[in-house]
């Protein structure tokens, strides 16, 4: 398959864009100096040819002393080490300065022939001599200092978007550790195969564990930790009735900036429709236990009791996204589905703080009015990697931070499956696919067929994925992937009567008609979403025949499932906490 725009990673796109901006600046200045030299000579009555030569010489000097900007960008985007960039910038600047200052040498013996190379180097030395030894040394050290500061302080950039922010390794380290020593951070609950009887809990630490654990119970013991979340092993008397050991690993891709250990634990054997209280923590080699504050969650019903959940996509860290999250938590959902583009690290290993910010907001924002922490189901988006059609290696954090299946202890975190299914009670199956961020669209069909075939007796069938089969706009770089999803996934959805396909990516809102093979049908699948949970766009809307509602509306989707009367109700909520669209279907 031929290379396309999609084959370029976000890091390289940002790098190429920065090079383009720098080159544009250099070229603009070159043109200015060329015109200056040309006009100066012409005004003196000299020939235009001589003016062009002089202007060309000035333009060349500008390019020479401007190329350190290109070297600096290569260092900023981690293409070369900052120390190499420092040396190269000094060499280029010093040589350019000497070339500007050069003066024709004075030979004592005019009869002795001197070659061009010899003459050039003597002119450099003569120029510095006339400039003065002291001044020359000062200029050299100015280049050394300026090159050091710029290359060191701009090395290894993170380009965060939604909102846009930039950090370098220096600026990040100057802030201290994002997950400090002596604390547990980035607590998260993820939905495993069956939320009625199990859950997965994850957490991070700066301190290296010799053991990690989760304690849980059906009654709260938060008062036990009212004095401190750090307790000596010999002083700890576990008040919780249930416990499970966690598994942990080190995040090697950020260890040059800070130490980070990721722990997770599979909690099984739970009772459906039950409230649980949980604390997680680690044991250190010095005999200290570090805990995270107690949280509570609830398992899914297994008796057909109605439940509700929130769905959205393309979240980021905008203020709008936070407002929508607060609105979403107010409806007391059982869980949340997030359709990709979670923290927008865009495949930069240097953007680990984008995830830390997101985890912190999630844990503080998604506490419901009744005090519940909400488990999450996510799918991978193109901004969880270097873009579409990426390698596993470009997925820096997503798979390591968010497990969605039990029993992954012997699988490398970056090799965790990107397809997973979840049952909620006895009547709902949810399938989650990768929109060719890593795994190709056709390669997932057999898995989809197997899961949906095994669960064909379930009333409610939902799918979560990042790309849209039926978008409300058109982006040329996404057409191939969207068309492939429609070609290969659409027939599977039709065959097994998918109830709702939750779509994302375009930062818009749409609700389709109920569709079978792209045509309206009373028993067809509803396609809803297009991903605008905090991000927005100015993309042109398209009035496709398959659309019922569409617009540039930031939103979350509230889905309510009632097994007793086989009904699913959907309400879409905007930033003002208003229901601006709704849909209902009673399944036969």
Protein backbone atom coordinates (compact mmCIF):
# COMPACT_ATOMS: atom_id res chain seq x y z
CA UNK A 1 0.00 0.00 0.00
CA UNK A 2 1.40 3.38 -0.97
CA UNK A 3 2.39 5.88 1.68
CA UNK A 4 -0.15 8.56 2.55
CA UNK A 5 -0.45 11.56 4.86
CA UNK A 6 -1.81 9.14 7.47
CA UNK A 7 1.53 7.31 7.54
CA UNK A 8 3.29 10.34 9.10
CA UNK A 9 3.27 10.39 12.89
CA UNK A 10 2.09 13.41 14.86
CA UNK A 11 5.62 13.92 16.20
CA UNK A 12 6.98 14.12 12.67
CA UNK A 13 4.09 16.34 11.57
CA UNK A 14 4.85 18.79 14.36
CA UNK A 15 8.57 18.55 13.56
CA UNK A 16 8.00 19.18 9.86
CA UNK A 17 5.65 22.05 10.66
CA UNK A 18 8.24 23.66 12.94
CA UNK A 19 10.91 23.23 10.26
CA UNK A 20 8.56 24.80 7.74
CA UNK A 21 7.92 27.81 9.99
CA UNK A 22 11.65 28.26 10.65
CA UNK A 23 12.46 27.95 6.95
CA UNK A 24 9.75 30.44 6.10
CA UNK A 25 11.23 32.94 8.55
CA UNK A 26 14.76 32.36 7.22
CA UNK A 27 13.64 32.67 3.59
CA UNK A 28 11.68 35.86 4.35
CA UNK A 29 14.76 37.43 5.97
CA UNK A 30 16.93 36.19 3.08
CA UNK A 31 14.64 37.90 0.58
CA UNK A 32 14.73 41.08 2.62
CA UNK A 33 18.54 41.14 2.72
CA UNK A 34 18.80 40.24 -0.95
CA UNK A 35 16.58 43.18 -1.87
CA UNK A 36 18.51 45.42 0.48
CA UNK A 37 21.86 44.50 -1.14
CA UNK A 38 20.50 44.71 -4.64
CA UNK A 39 18.87 48.13 -4.16
CA UNK A 40 21.94 49.48 -2.34
CA UNK A 41 24.25 48.66 -5.27
CA UNK A 42 21.82 49.91 -7.90
CA UNK A 43 21.39 53.22 -6.06
CA UNK A 44 25.18 53.62 -6.12
CA UNK A 45 25.04 53.34 -9.88
CA UNK A 46 26.56 49.87 -9.99
CA UNK A 47 25.29 47.18 -12.33
CA UNK A 48 22.25 45.07 -11.48
CA UNK A 49 24.47 42.01 -11.89
CA UNK A 50 26.78 43.24 -9.15
CA UNK A 51 23.75 44.16 -7.03
CA UNK A 52 22.35 40.66 -7.44
CA UNK A 53 25.70 39.17 -6.45
CA UNK A 54 25.90 41.32 -3.33
CA UNK A 55 22.28 40.62 -2.43
CA UNK A 56 22.90 36.90 -2.95
CA UNK A 57 25.92 37.06 -0.67
CA UNK A 58 23.85 38.70 2.09
CA UNK A 59 21.06 36.14 1.63
CA UNK A 60 23.58 33.32 1.91
CA UNK A 61 24.93 34.77 5.15
CA UNK A 62 21.40 34.93 6.53
CA UNK A 63 20.83 31.28 5.64
CA UNK A 64 24.15 30.32 7.21
CA UNK A 65 23.46 31.95 10.57
CA UNK A 66 19.79 30.91 10.41
CA UNK A 67 20.36 27.17 10.11
CA UNK A 68 20.88 26.76 13.89
CA UNK A 69 17.10 27.23 14.13
CA UNK A 70 16.68 24.02 12.13
CA UNK A 71 19.16 22.22 14.38
CA UNK A 72 17.30 23.52 17.42
CA UNK A 73 14.01 22.11 16.08
CA UNK A 74 15.65 18.72 15.51
CA UNK A 75 16.71 18.72 19.15
CA UNK A 76 13.34 20.02 20.35
CA UNK A 77 11.57 17.07 18.72
CA UNK A 78 14.14 14.57 19.96
CA UNK A 79 15.62 13.84 16.54
CA UNK A 80 19.12 14.55 17.88
CA UNK A 81 20.41 14.90 21.45
CA UNK A 82 20.56 18.40 22.88
CA UNK A 83 24.34 18.16 23.44
CA UNK A 84 24.94 17.44 19.74
CA UNK A 85 22.60 20.29 18.84
CA UNK A 86 24.57 22.57 21.15
CA UNK A 87 27.90 21.73 19.45
CA UNK A 88 26.46 22.03 15.94
CA UNK A 89 24.83 25.37 16.69
CA UNK A 90 28.07 26.79 18.09
CA UNK A 91 30.03 25.61 15.05
CA UNK A 92 27.50 27.03 12.59
CA UNK A 93 27.13 30.37 14.39
CA UNK A 94 30.88 30.83 14.93
CA UNK A 95 31.77 29.91 11.35
CA UNK A 96 29.00 32.17 10.02
CA UNK A 97 30.21 35.06 12.17
CA UNK A 98 33.79 34.56 10.99
CA UNK A 99 32.61 34.48 7.37
CA UNK A 100 30.81 37.79 7.88
CA UNK A 101 33.84 39.38 9.53
CA UNK A 102 36.48 38.09 7.10
CA UNK A 103 38.87 40.62 5.55
CA UNK A 104 41.29 40.12 2.67
CA UNK A 105 44.73 39.22 4.03
CA UNK A 106 47.78 41.44 3.63
CA UNK A 107 50.69 39.47 2.15
CA UNK A 108 54.23 40.70 2.83
CA UNK A 109 55.49 39.03 -0.31
CA UNK A 110 53.06 39.88 -3.11
CA UNK A 111 55.02 37.72 -5.54
CA UNK A 112 54.29 34.59 -3.55
CA UNK A 113 51.13 32.95 -4.92
CA UNK A 114 48.44 31.99 -2.41
CA UNK A 115 45.64 29.52 -3.29
CA UNK A 116 41.94 30.25 -2.83
CA UNK A 117 41.59 27.99 0.22
CA UNK A 118 44.66 29.49 1.85
CA UNK A 119 43.43 32.97 1.02
CA UNK A 120 39.98 32.23 2.50
CA UNK A 121 41.26 30.97 5.83
CA UNK A 122 43.75 33.82 6.09
CA UNK A 123 40.89 36.24 5.47
CA UNK A 124 38.94 34.67 8.35
CA UNK A 125 41.90 35.05 10.70
CA UNK A 126 42.53 38.59 9.50
CA UNK A 127 38.89 39.50 10.08
CA UNK A 128 38.97 38.27 13.66
CA UNK A 129 42.27 40.08 14.20
CA UNK A 130 40.76 43.37 13.08
CA UNK A 131 37.63 42.72 15.18
CA UNK A 132 39.86 42.28 18.21
CA UNK A 133 40.87 39.26 20.25
CA UNK A 134 38.80 40.25 23.29
CA UNK A 135 35.70 40.93 21.23
CA UNK A 136 36.11 37.68 19.31
CA UNK A 137 36.34 35.66 22.54
CA UNK A 138 33.24 37.41 23.93
CA UNK A 139 31.25 36.62 20.79
CA UNK A 140 32.35 32.98 20.86
CA UNK A 141 31.27 32.54 24.47
CA UNK A 142 28.00 34.31 23.69
CA UNK A 143 27.35 31.70 21.00
CA UNK A 144 28.30 28.90 23.42
CA UNK A 145 25.97 30.18 26.13
CA UNK A 146 23.06 31.02 23.84
CA UNK A 147 23.30 27.66 22.07
CA UNK A 148 23.50 25.79 25.36
CA UNK A 149 20.51 27.55 26.88
CA UNK A 150 18.29 27.17 23.82
CA UNK A 151 19.18 23.54 23.03
CA UNK A 152 19.03 22.41 26.66
CA UNK A 153 15.83 24.23 27.56
CA UNK A 154 13.94 23.23 24.39
CA UNK A 155 15.03 19.59 24.24
CA UNK A 156 12.38 16.87 23.97
CA UNK A 157 9.21 18.90 23.57
CA UNK A 158 5.72 17.73 24.41
CA UNK A 159 3.11 19.36 22.20
CA UNK A 160 -0.17 19.00 24.03
CA UNK A 161 -3.43 19.92 22.33
CA UNK A 162 -6.97 20.55 23.58
CA UNK A 163 -5.83 22.84 25.05
CA UNK A 164 -2.58 23.68 23.28
CA UNK A 165 0.44 23.73 25.57
CA UNK A 166 4.16 23.10 25.14
CA UNK A 167 6.69 21.79 27.62
CA UNK A 168 10.31 20.70 27.39
CA UNK A 169 12.26 18.23 29.47
CA UNK A 170 13.79 21.12 31.38
CA UNK A 171 10.46 22.82 32.11
CA UNK A 172 8.88 19.54 33.20
CA UNK A 173 11.73 18.61 35.52
CA UNK A 174 11.70 22.11 37.02
CA UNK A 175 8.13 21.42 38.17
CA UNK A 176 9.16 18.36 40.14
CA UNK A 177 7.72 14.87 39.78
CA UNK A 178 4.21 14.75 38.40
CA UNK A 179 3.52 11.71 40.61
CA UNK A 180 5.50 12.58 43.77
CA UNK A 181 7.28 10.19 46.08
CA UNK A 182 5.26 9.16 49.10
CA UNK A 183 1.93 9.27 47.26
CA UNK A 184 -0.33 7.08 45.15
CA UNK A 185 -1.69 8.77 42.05
CA UNK A 186 -3.73 8.11 38.90
CA UNK A 187 -6.38 5.88 40.46
CA UNK A 188 -8.70 4.41 37.83
CA UNK A 189 -11.40 1.73 37.63
CA UNK A 190 -11.77 -0.09 34.31
CA UNK A 191 -14.57 -2.38 33.21
CA UNK A 192 -13.56 -6.03 32.61
CA UNK A 193 -15.51 -8.70 30.74
CA UNK A 194 -18.38 -8.78 33.26
CA UNK A 195 -19.11 -5.76 35.44
CA UNK A 196 -21.63 -7.73 37.49
CA UNK A 197 -18.96 -9.78 39.26
CA UNK A 198 -15.58 -8.14 38.67
CA UNK A 199 -13.67 -4.91 38.19
CA UNK A 200 -10.09 -3.86 37.44
CA UNK A 201 -8.37 -1.15 39.47
CA UNK A 202 -5.18 0.68 38.48
CA UNK A 203 -2.86 3.14 40.23
CA UNK A 204 0.61 4.69 39.91
CA UNK A 205 3.49 5.40 42.27
CA UNK A 206 6.84 7.12 42.13
CA UNK A 207 8.23 4.81 44.81
CA UNK A 208 9.28 1.34 43.73
CA UNK A 209 6.98 -1.28 45.27
CA UNK A 210 8.01 -4.57 46.70
CA UNK A 211 4.31 -5.35 46.63
CA UNK A 212 1.08 -3.71 45.54
CA UNK A 213 -2.43 -4.49 46.75
CA UNK A 214 -6.11 -3.60 46.81
CA UNK A 215 -8.32 -3.96 49.89
CA UNK A 216 -12.09 -3.79 49.57
CA UNK A 217 -15.29 -4.33 51.52
CA UNK A 218 -19.01 -3.67 51.44
CA UNK A 219 -18.71 -1.14 54.26
CA UNK A 220 -16.51 1.94 54.45
CA UNK A 221 -13.35 2.08 56.52
CA UNK A 222 -12.22 5.56 55.43
CA UNK A 223 -11.92 6.70 59.06
CA UNK A 224 -9.01 4.30 59.48
CA UNK A 225 -6.91 6.58 57.24
CA UNK A 226 -8.06 9.91 58.65
CA UNK A 227 -4.66 10.53 60.26
CA UNK A 228 -2.37 9.45 57.44
CA UNK A 229 -2.22 7.55 54.15
CA UNK A 230 1.33 6.41 54.96
CA UNK A 231 1.51 3.70 57.62
CA UNK A 232 4.27 1.42 58.84
CA UNK A 233 3.71 -2.26 58.08
CA UNK A 234 3.90 -3.20 61.72
CA UNK A 235 1.30 -0.56 62.62
CA UNK A 236 -1.26 -1.49 59.97
CA UNK A 237 -4.27 -3.55 61.02
CA UNK A 238 -6.25 -4.24 57.86
CA UNK A 239 -9.93 -3.40 58.50
CA UNK A 240 -11.13 -4.65 55.09
CA UNK A 241 -12.61 -8.13 54.65
CA UNK A 242 -11.24 -8.73 51.16
CA UNK A 243 -7.85 -8.21 49.56
CA UNK A 244 -6.02 -8.99 46.34
CA UNK A 245 -2.39 -8.59 45.31
CA UNK A 246 -1.62 -6.30 42.43
CA UNK A 247 0.86 -6.59 39.57
CA UNK A 248 3.25 -3.76 38.79
CA UNK A 249 5.81 -2.70 36.22
CA UNK A 250 8.04 0.31 35.57
CA UNK A 251 7.33 2.81 32.79
CA UNK A 252 10.65 2.74 30.97
CA UNK A 253 9.72 5.44 28.46
CA UNK A 254 9.63 8.23 31.06
CA UNK A 255 12.34 7.07 33.47
CA UNK A 256 14.78 9.73 32.22
CA UNK A 257 12.46 12.33 33.76
CA UNK A 258 10.84 10.58 36.68
CA UNK A 259 10.42 7.16 38.17
CA UNK A 260 6.98 5.66 37.62
CA UNK A 261 5.49 2.30 38.55
CA UNK A 262 2.08 1.23 37.31
CA UNK A 263 0.07 -1.26 39.37
CA UNK A 264 -3.22 -2.96 38.64
CA UNK A 265 -5.32 -5.65 40.26
CA UNK A 266 -8.13 -7.92 39.04
CA UNK A 267 -10.95 -8.02 41.56
CA UNK A 268 -13.27 -10.97 40.99
CA UNK A 269 -16.01 -12.84 42.82
CA UNK A 270 -18.05 -9.70 43.44
CA UNK A 271 -21.80 -9.67 43.98
CA UNK A 272 -23.98 -7.93 41.41
CA UNK A 273 -25.78 -4.67 42.25
CA UNK A 274 -23.53 -4.15 45.27
CA UNK A 275 -21.65 -1.14 46.61
CA UNK A 276 -17.97 -1.75 47.38
CA UNK A 277 -15.39 0.44 49.12
CA UNK A 278 -11.78 0.13 47.98
CA UNK A 279 -8.30 1.34 48.83
CA UNK A 280 -5.16 0.61 46.84
CA UNK A 281 -1.52 0.99 47.72
CA UNK A 282 2.02 -0.25 47.67
CA UNK A 283 4.52 -1.59 50.16
CA UNK A 284 8.02 -0.08 50.05
CA UNK A 285 11.27 -1.77 50.95
CA UNK A 286 11.63 0.47 54.01
CA UNK A 287 8.48 -1.04 55.55
CA UNK A 288 6.08 1.76 54.69
CA UNK A 289 2.63 1.27 53.19
CA UNK A 290 1.31 4.09 50.98
CA UNK A 291 -2.44 4.22 50.31
CA UNK A 292 -4.77 6.11 48.02
CA UNK A 293 -7.90 7.59 49.66
CA UNK A 294 -10.85 5.22 49.82
CA UNK A 295 -13.21 5.21 46.85
CA UNK A 296 -16.50 3.42 46.28
CA UNK A 297 -18.02 1.81 43.20
CA UNK A 298 -20.98 -0.40 42.35
CA UNK A 299 -21.26 -3.54 40.30
CA UNK A 300 -23.75 -3.98 37.49
CA UNK A 301 -27.12 -5.64 38.03
CA UNK A 302 -27.68 -9.17 36.78
CA UNK A 303 -31.46 -9.33 37.27
CA UNK A 304 -32.59 -6.96 34.54
CA UNK A 305 -32.64 -3.88 36.75
CA UNK A 306 -32.46 -0.77 34.52
CA UNK A 307 -29.09 0.95 34.33
CA UNK A 308 -27.59 3.95 32.55
CA UNK A 309 -24.21 4.98 31.21
CA UNK A 310 -22.46 7.95 29.61
CA UNK A 311 -20.66 7.93 26.26
CA UNK A 312 -18.55 10.51 24.47
CA UNK A 313 -15.25 10.90 22.72
CA UNK A 314 -12.36 13.27 22.05
CA UNK A 315 -12.02 14.62 25.56
CA UNK A 316 -8.71 16.32 26.31
CA UNK A 317 -8.36 18.79 29.16
CA UNK A 318 -10.48 21.74 28.07
CA UNK A 319 -12.74 23.66 30.41
CA UNK A 320 -15.70 22.67 28.27
CA UNK A 321 -14.82 19.03 28.72
CA UNK A 322 -14.71 19.47 32.48
CA UNK A 323 -18.17 21.08 32.46
CA UNK A 324 -19.57 18.25 30.36
CA UNK A 325 -18.01 15.70 32.74
CA UNK A 326 -19.64 17.38 35.72
CA UNK A 327 -22.98 17.28 33.88
CA UNK A 328 -22.43 13.62 33.04
CA UNK A 329 -21.66 12.62 36.62
CA UNK A 330 -24.90 14.22 37.77
CA UNK A 331 -27.01 11.48 36.13
CA UNK A 332 -25.40 8.81 38.36
CA UNK A 333 -24.23 6.53 35.51
CA UNK A 334 -23.10 2.99 36.21
CA UNK A 335 -20.04 3.42 33.98
CA UNK A 336 -18.61 5.66 31.26
CA UNK A 337 -17.55 4.83 27.70
CA UNK A 338 -14.93 7.10 26.12
CA UNK A 339 -14.43 6.72 22.39
CA UNK A 340 -10.75 7.55 22.05
CA UNK A 341 -8.53 10.65 22.02
CA UNK A 342 -8.47 10.61 25.78
CA UNK A 343 -5.51 12.73 26.93
CA UNK A 344 -4.02 13.66 23.53
CA UNK A 345 -0.43 12.55 24.06
CA UNK A 346 -0.24 12.09 20.26
CA UNK A 347 2.47 9.45 20.56
CA UNK A 348 4.91 11.72 22.44
CA UNK A 349 6.51 9.84 25.34
CA UNK A 350 7.34 13.31 26.68
CA UNK A 351 3.59 14.01 27.07
CA UNK A 352 3.13 11.74 30.09
CA UNK A 353 1.90 14.69 32.13
CA UNK A 354 -1.10 15.02 29.80
CA UNK A 355 -2.23 11.65 31.15
CA UNK A 356 -1.44 12.61 34.74
CA UNK A 357 -3.58 15.72 34.35
CA UNK A 358 -6.37 13.66 32.81
CA UNK A 359 -6.29 11.03 35.59
CA UNK A 360 -6.42 13.73 38.24
CA UNK A 361 -9.38 15.43 36.61
CA UNK A 362 -11.18 12.12 36.09
CA UNK A 363 -10.89 11.14 39.73
CA UNK A 364 -12.03 14.54 41.00
CA UNK A 365 -14.69 15.30 38.39
CA UNK A 366 -16.28 11.92 37.94
CA UNK A 367 -17.43 11.49 41.50
CA UNK A 368 -21.22 11.26 41.31
CA UNK A 369 -23.57 13.10 43.70
CA UNK A 370 -23.84 9.84 45.68
CA UNK A 371 -20.06 9.63 45.90
CA UNK A 372 -19.37 6.85 43.41
CA UNK A 373 -16.21 6.59 41.32
CA UNK A 374 -17.08 5.54 37.79
CA UNK A 375 -15.48 2.63 35.92
CA UNK A 376 -14.50 3.34 32.34
CA UNK A 377 -14.46 1.56 28.98
CA UNK A 378 -12.35 3.22 26.30
CA UNK A 379 -11.27 2.60 22.74
CA UNK A 380 -8.00 3.73 21.26
CA UNK A 381 -8.00 6.93 19.19
CA UNK A 382 -5.44 8.23 16.74
CA UNK A 383 -4.12 10.67 19.37
CA UNK A 384 -3.26 7.78 21.67
CA UNK A 385 -0.53 6.96 19.14
CA UNK A 386 1.40 8.70 16.39
CA UNK A 387 -1.73 8.78 14.24
CA UNK A 388 -3.60 6.30 12.07
CA UNK A 389 -1.79 3.13 10.97
CA UNK A 390 0.73 3.34 13.80
CA UNK A 391 2.92 0.69 15.32
CA UNK A 392 2.45 -0.61 18.85
CA UNK A 393 5.67 1.16 19.76
CA UNK A 394 4.09 4.57 19.15
CA UNK A 395 1.33 3.84 21.71
CA UNK A 396 3.17 5.31 24.65
CA UNK A 397 0.65 5.08 27.50
CA UNK A 398 -2.84 3.93 26.50
CA UNK A 399 -2.41 0.15 26.70
CA UNK A 400 -0.10 0.35 29.72
CA UNK A 401 -2.52 2.45 31.75
CA UNK A 402 -5.89 0.96 30.81
CA UNK A 403 -6.41 -2.83 31.02
CA UNK A 404 -9.88 -4.09 30.07
CA UNK A 405 -9.52 -7.84 30.50
CA UNK A 406 -8.81 -10.06 33.46
CA UNK A 407 -5.69 -12.19 33.51
CA UNK A 408 -3.27 -9.95 31.62
CA UNK A 409 -0.44 -10.43 34.12
CA UNK A 410 1.72 -12.45 31.70
CA UNK A 411 1.19 -10.14 28.73
CA UNK A 412 3.48 -7.17 28.16
CA UNK A 413 1.46 -3.99 28.81
CA UNK A 414 2.05 -2.67 25.31
CA UNK A 415 0.81 -5.95 23.82
CA UNK A 416 -2.60 -5.89 25.49
CA UNK A 417 -5.49 -6.48 23.07
CA UNK A 418 -7.15 -3.42 21.59
CA UNK A 419 -10.39 -5.34 21.04
CA UNK A 420 -12.44 -6.28 24.08
CA UNK A 421 -16.04 -7.11 24.94
CA UNK A 422 -18.11 -6.47 28.04
CA UNK A 423 -21.38 -7.85 29.34
CA UNK A 424 -23.59 -5.69 31.51
CA UNK A 425 -26.12 -7.90 33.25
CA UNK A 426 -27.69 -10.66 31.20
CA UNK A 427 -29.05 -8.57 28.35
CA UNK A 428 -26.22 -6.31 27.11
CA UNK A 429 -23.04 -6.92 25.14
CA UNK A 430 -20.58 -4.15 24.29
CA UNK A 431 -17.81 -4.64 21.73
CA UNK A 432 -14.83 -2.32 21.39
CA UNK A 433 -12.63 -2.14 18.29
CA UNK A 434 -9.48 -0.39 17.07
CA UNK A 435 -10.09 1.97 14.11
CA UNK A 436 -6.75 1.07 12.51
CA UNK A 437 -4.70 3.04 14.98
CA UNK A 438 -2.73 -0.20 15.22
CA UNK A 439 -4.84 -3.14 14.04
CA UNK A 440 -6.27 -3.10 10.54
CA UNK A 441 -10.02 -2.89 10.07
CA UNK A 442 -10.56 -6.22 8.21
CA UNK A 443 -8.42 -8.18 10.68
CA UNK A 444 -10.96 -7.60 13.47
CA UNK A 445 -14.00 -8.99 11.65
CA UNK A 446 -13.57 -12.60 12.76
CA UNK A 447 -13.29 -11.51 16.40
CA UNK A 448 -16.42 -9.36 16.06
CA UNK A 449 -18.29 -12.25 14.44
CA UNK A 450 -17.31 -14.61 17.25
CA UNK A 451 -18.30 -12.27 20.08
CA UNK A 452 -21.60 -11.18 18.54
CA UNK A 453 -22.48 -14.74 17.55
CA UNK A 454 -21.83 -15.97 21.08
CA UNK A 455 -24.03 -13.16 22.44
CA UNK A 456 -26.68 -13.07 19.74
CA UNK A 457 -29.40 -13.84 22.29
CA UNK A 458 -28.74 -10.58 24.15
CA UNK A 459 -31.28 -7.82 23.62
CA UNK A 460 -28.93 -4.85 23.62
CA UNK A 461 -25.80 -4.79 21.46
CA UNK A 462 -23.55 -1.74 21.53
CA UNK A 463 -20.26 -0.98 19.78
CA UNK A 464 -17.60 1.61 20.65
CA UNK A 465 -14.88 2.70 18.22
CA UNK A 466 -13.11 5.91 17.22
CA UNK A 467 -13.72 6.42 13.51
CA UNK A 468 -17.24 6.97 12.16
CA UNK A 469 -18.90 4.73 9.60
CA UNK A 470 -21.46 7.47 9.03
CA UNK A 471 -19.85 10.86 9.81
CA UNK A 472 -21.47 14.26 9.41
CA UNK A 473 -18.43 15.75 7.71
CA UNK A 474 -15.68 14.64 5.33
CA UNK A 475 -11.94 14.69 5.92
CA UNK A 476 -9.90 13.38 3.02
CA UNK A 477 -7.24 11.79 5.21
CA UNK A 478 -9.90 9.76 7.07
CA UNK A 479 -11.94 8.57 4.07
CA UNK A 480 -9.99 5.34 3.60
CA UNK A 481 -10.40 4.22 7.21
CA UNK A 482 -14.04 5.29 7.45
CA UNK A 483 -14.83 3.50 4.17
CA UNK A 484 -13.06 0.33 5.28
CA UNK A 485 -14.97 0.33 8.58
CA UNK A 486 -18.22 0.77 6.68
CA UNK A 487 -17.29 -1.99 4.24
CA UNK A 488 -16.10 -4.59 6.75
CA UNK A 489 -17.82 -3.73 10.03
CA UNK A 490 -21.13 -2.50 8.66
CA UNK A 491 -22.29 -5.94 7.40
CA UNK A 492 -21.40 -7.48 10.78
CA UNK A 493 -23.46 -4.86 12.58
CA UNK A 494 -26.36 -5.51 10.21
CA UNK A 495 -26.09 -9.29 10.53
CA UNK A 496 -26.28 -9.27 14.32
CA UNK A 497 -28.68 -6.32 14.64
CA UNK A 498 -26.37 -3.95 16.49
CA UNK A 499 -28.49 -1.57 18.54
CA UNK A 500 -26.19 1.46 18.69
CA UNK A 501 -22.78 2.27 17.24
CA UNK A 502 -21.09 5.00 19.30
CA UNK A 503 -18.85 6.92 16.89
CA UNK A 504 -16.28 9.63 17.51
CA UNK A 505 -13.27 11.49 16.07
CA UNK A 506 -14.79 14.43 14.16
CA UNK A 507 -15.46 16.82 17.06
CA UNK A 508 -19.05 17.24 15.95
CA UNK A 509 -22.46 15.79 16.83
CA UNK A 510 -24.70 13.62 14.75
CA UNK A 511 -27.48 11.09 15.10
CA UNK A 512 -28.20 8.94 12.10
CA UNK A 513 -31.42 7.31 11.03
CA UNK A 514 -31.67 3.63 11.88
CA UNK A 515 -29.67 2.03 9.10
CA UNK A 516 -29.17 -1.31 7.41
CA UNK A 517 -26.58 -1.26 4.65
CA UNK A 518 -26.67 2.53 4.72
CA UNK A 519 -30.43 2.74 4.16
CA UNK A 520 -33.15 3.62 6.64
CA UNK A 521 -34.76 0.58 8.26
CA UNK A 522 -37.01 0.32 11.35
CA UNK A 523 -34.82 -2.44 12.80
CA UNK A 524 -31.52 -0.86 11.78
CA UNK A 525 -28.56 0.35 13.80
CA UNK A 526 -28.39 3.86 15.21
CA UNK A 527 -25.03 5.61 14.72
CA UNK A 528 -24.51 8.47 17.15
CA UNK A 529 -21.74 10.73 18.44
CA UNK A 530 -18.82 11.96 16.32
CA UNK A 531 -16.82 12.90 19.40
CA UNK A 532 -16.95 16.38 20.93
CA UNK A 533 -16.44 15.86 24.66
CA UNK A 534 -14.45 19.02 25.27
CA UNK A 535 -12.98 19.65 21.80
CA UNK A 536 -14.55 21.60 19.01
CA UNK A 537 -13.99 22.18 15.32
CA UNK A 538 -14.80 24.46 12.40
CA UNK A 539 -15.11 21.57 9.98
CA UNK A 540 -17.84 21.86 7.40
CA UNK A 541 -21.00 19.90 8.13
CA UNK A 542 -22.40 17.64 5.40
CA UNK A 543 -26.11 17.02 4.95
CA UNK A 544 -25.93 13.32 4.14
CA UNK A 545 -29.16 11.42 3.52
CA UNK A 546 -28.49 9.03 6.38
CA UNK A 547 -28.43 11.80 9.01
CA UNK A 548 -31.33 12.71 11.27
CA UNK A 549 -29.63 15.37 13.45
CA UNK A 550 -26.21 17.02 13.19
CA UNK A 551 -24.33 20.12 14.30
CA UNK A 552 -21.26 21.65 15.93
CA UNK A 553 -22.34 20.79 19.45
CA UNK A 554 -20.09 19.71 22.30
CA UNK A 555 -21.88 16.93 24.12
CA UNK A 556 -22.08 13.73 26.11
CA UNK A 557 -24.56 10.96 25.43
CA UNK A 558 -26.71 9.54 28.23
CA UNK A 559 -28.00 6.04 27.45
CA UNK A 560 -30.63 4.33 29.60
CA UNK A 561 -31.26 0.60 29.24
CA UNK A 562 -34.38 -1.11 30.56
CA UNK A 563 -34.42 -4.88 30.13
CA UNK A 564 -37.90 -5.24 31.58
CA UNK A 565 -39.52 -3.54 28.61
CA UNK A 566 -36.61 -4.03 26.12
CA UNK A 567 -36.21 -0.28 25.69
CA UNK A 568 -33.17 1.91 25.20
CA UNK A 569 -33.49 5.68 25.64
CA UNK A 570 -30.80 8.14 24.64
CA UNK A 571 -30.54 11.78 25.71
CA UNK A 572 -27.72 14.00 24.47
CA UNK A 573 -26.57 16.68 26.90
CA UNK A 574 -24.77 19.93 26.03
CA UNK A 575 -22.46 22.13 28.07
CA UNK A 576 -25.44 23.96 29.61
CA UNK A 577 -26.74 20.63 30.92
CA UNK A 578 -29.63 20.78 28.48
CA UNK A 579 -31.02 17.75 26.66
CA UNK A 580 -30.95 18.93 23.05
CA UNK A 581 -31.59 15.60 21.33
CA UNK A 582 -33.26 12.32 22.31
CA UNK A 583 -34.11 8.95 20.81
CA UNK A 584 -35.98 5.89 21.98
CA UNK A 585 -36.27 2.36 20.66
CA UNK A 586 -38.19 -0.63 21.89
CA UNK A 587 -36.50 -3.78 20.67
CA UNK A 588 -38.57 -6.76 19.58
